[in-house]
């Protein structure tokens, strides 16, 4: 599997979800639901992986 992100690159939720879908780790329907769901300010400030895990 190729490295999808460069060192020092800021992770964004949409790009992270796309990579997880491409790797077969998240279903497209779940990624669409997460990407389209409103987030609170607290959730929006979380690191994308912390948000997805939480």
N, C-alpha and C. Protein backbone atom coordinates (compact mmCIF):
# COMPACT_ATOMS: atom_id res chain seq x y z
N UNK A 1 0.84 -1.18 0.00
CA UNK A 1 0.00 0.00 0.00
C UNK A 1 0.89 1.24 0.00
N UNK A 2 0.62 2.14 -0.88
CA UNK A 2 1.41 3.36 -0.99
C UNK A 2 1.07 4.32 0.15
N UNK A 3 2.01 5.15 0.51
CA UNK A 3 1.76 6.16 1.53
C UNK A 3 0.84 7.22 0.94
N UNK A 4 -0.28 7.45 1.59
CA UNK A 4 -1.28 8.38 1.07
C UNK A 4 -1.07 9.80 1.56
N UNK A 5 -0.42 9.94 2.69
CA UNK A 5 -0.21 11.26 3.27
C UNK A 5 1.28 11.51 3.42
N UNK A 6 1.67 12.76 3.29
CA UNK A 6 3.07 13.14 3.44
C UNK A 6 3.33 13.53 4.89
N UNK A 7 4.54 13.30 5.38
CA UNK A 7 4.87 13.72 6.74
C UNK A 7 4.63 15.22 6.90
N UNK A 8 4.02 15.58 8.01
CA UNK A 8 3.74 16.98 8.28
C UNK A 8 2.46 17.50 7.67
N UNK A 9 1.82 16.70 6.83
CA UNK A 9 0.58 17.11 6.19
C UNK A 9 -0.55 17.11 7.21
N UNK A 10 -1.38 18.13 7.17
CA UNK A 10 -2.54 18.21 8.06
C UNK A 10 -3.62 17.28 7.51
N UNK A 11 -4.15 16.42 8.39
CA UNK A 11 -5.21 15.51 7.96
C UNK A 11 -6.55 16.23 8.00
N UNK A 12 -7.33 16.02 6.97
CA UNK A 12 -8.68 16.55 6.91
C UNK A 12 -9.63 15.36 6.89
N UNK A 13 -10.81 15.54 7.46
CA UNK A 13 -11.75 14.44 7.58
C UNK A 13 -12.09 13.82 6.23
N UNK A 14 -12.40 14.64 5.24
CA UNK A 14 -12.82 14.11 3.93
C UNK A 14 -11.72 13.26 3.29
N UNK A 15 -10.50 13.75 3.31
CA UNK A 15 -9.38 13.00 2.71
C UNK A 15 -9.11 11.72 3.49
N UNK A 16 -9.22 11.79 4.82
CA UNK A 16 -9.00 10.62 5.65
C UNK A 16 -10.05 9.56 5.35
N UNK A 17 -11.30 9.98 5.24
CA UNK A 17 -12.37 9.03 4.91
C UNK A 17 -12.15 8.40 3.54
N UNK A 18 -11.74 9.21 2.57
CA UNK A 18 -11.49 8.67 1.22
C UNK A 18 -10.41 7.59 1.24
N UNK A 19 -9.35 7.83 1.99
CA UNK A 19 -8.27 6.85 2.07
C UNK A 19 -8.73 5.58 2.79
N UNK A 20 -9.54 5.72 3.82
CA UNK A 20 -10.06 4.55 4.53
C UNK A 20 -11.00 3.74 3.65
N UNK A 21 -11.80 4.40 2.84
CA UNK A 21 -12.67 3.70 1.89
C UNK A 21 -11.82 2.99 0.84
N UNK A 22 -10.83 3.67 0.30
CA UNK A 22 -9.96 3.08 -0.73
C UNK A 22 -9.22 1.86 -0.20
N UNK A 23 -8.88 1.88 1.08
CA UNK A 23 -8.17 0.75 1.68
C UNK A 23 -9.12 -0.37 2.11
N UNK A 24 -10.42 -0.15 1.96
CA UNK A 24 -11.40 -1.17 2.33
C UNK A 24 -11.65 -1.25 3.82
N UNK A 25 -11.27 -0.23 4.56
CA UNK A 25 -11.44 -0.24 6.01
C UNK A 25 -12.76 0.38 6.46
N UNK A 26 -13.36 1.18 5.59
CA UNK A 26 -14.64 1.83 5.89
C UNK A 26 -15.52 1.69 4.66
N UNK A 27 -16.79 1.38 4.88
CA UNK A 27 -17.72 1.29 3.74
C UNK A 27 -18.07 2.69 3.24
N UNK A 28 -18.32 2.81 1.95
CA UNK A 28 -18.66 4.10 1.34
C UNK A 28 -19.87 4.71 2.02
N UNK A 29 -20.89 3.90 2.30
CA UNK A 29 -22.10 4.43 2.93
C UNK A 29 -21.78 5.03 4.31
N UNK A 30 -20.92 4.38 5.07
CA UNK A 30 -20.54 4.91 6.38
C UNK A 30 -19.74 6.20 6.25
N UNK A 31 -18.84 6.24 5.28
CA UNK A 31 -18.04 7.44 5.05
C UNK A 31 -18.94 8.61 4.65
N UNK A 32 -19.91 8.35 3.79
CA UNK A 32 -20.84 9.41 3.38
C UNK A 32 -21.66 9.92 4.56
N UNK A 33 -22.08 9.00 5.42
CA UNK A 33 -22.84 9.39 6.60
C UNK A 33 -22.01 10.27 7.52
N UNK A 34 -20.77 9.84 7.78
CA UNK A 34 -19.89 10.63 8.64
C UNK A 34 -19.56 11.99 8.05
N UNK A 35 -19.30 12.03 6.76
CA UNK A 35 -18.93 13.28 6.10
C UNK A 35 -20.11 14.25 6.04
N UNK A 36 -21.33 13.70 5.97
CA UNK A 36 -22.50 14.56 5.83
C UNK A 36 -23.18 14.91 7.13
N UNK A 37 -22.74 14.33 8.22
CA UNK A 37 -23.37 14.59 9.52
C UNK A 37 -22.84 15.89 10.12
N UNK A 38 -23.75 16.70 10.68
CA UNK A 38 -23.28 17.91 11.34
C UNK A 38 -22.45 17.55 12.58
N UNK A 39 -21.40 18.33 12.81
CA UNK A 39 -20.54 18.10 13.98
C UNK A 39 -20.60 19.32 14.88
N UNK A 40 -20.49 19.05 16.17
CA UNK A 40 -20.43 20.15 17.13
C UNK A 40 -19.07 20.83 17.00
N UNK A 41 -18.94 21.97 17.61
CA UNK A 41 -17.64 22.67 17.60
C UNK A 41 -16.56 21.79 18.21
N UNK A 42 -16.90 21.13 19.31
CA UNK A 42 -15.94 20.25 19.99
C UNK A 42 -15.50 19.11 19.06
N UNK A 43 -16.45 18.51 18.35
CA UNK A 43 -16.12 17.44 17.42
C UNK A 43 -15.28 17.96 16.25
N UNK A 44 -15.60 19.13 15.77
CA UNK A 44 -14.88 19.70 14.63
C UNK A 44 -13.43 20.02 14.97
N UNK A 45 -13.16 20.28 16.24
CA UNK A 45 -11.80 20.60 16.66
C UNK A 45 -10.95 19.36 16.91
N UNK A 46 -11.57 18.20 16.94
CA UNK A 46 -10.83 16.97 17.18
C UNK A 46 -9.99 16.58 15.95
N UNK A 47 -8.92 15.87 16.19
CA UNK A 47 -8.15 15.28 15.11
C UNK A 47 -9.09 14.32 14.36
N UNK A 48 -9.03 14.25 13.02
CA UNK A 48 -9.93 13.39 12.28
C UNK A 48 -9.96 11.94 12.76
N UNK A 49 -8.82 11.38 13.11
CA UNK A 49 -8.81 9.99 13.57
C UNK A 49 -9.46 9.85 14.94
N UNK A 50 -9.30 10.84 15.79
CA UNK A 50 -9.95 10.82 17.11
C UNK A 50 -11.46 10.94 16.94
N UNK A 51 -11.90 11.77 16.00
CA UNK A 51 -13.32 11.91 15.72
C UNK A 51 -13.90 10.59 15.21
N UNK A 52 -13.22 9.97 14.27
CA UNK A 52 -13.71 8.71 13.70
C UNK A 52 -13.72 7.59 14.72
N UNK A 53 -12.77 7.57 15.61
CA UNK A 53 -12.69 6.52 16.61
C UNK A 53 -13.70 6.72 17.73
N UNK A 54 -14.12 7.97 17.93
CA UNK A 54 -14.92 8.31 19.08
C UNK A 54 -16.35 8.12 18.96
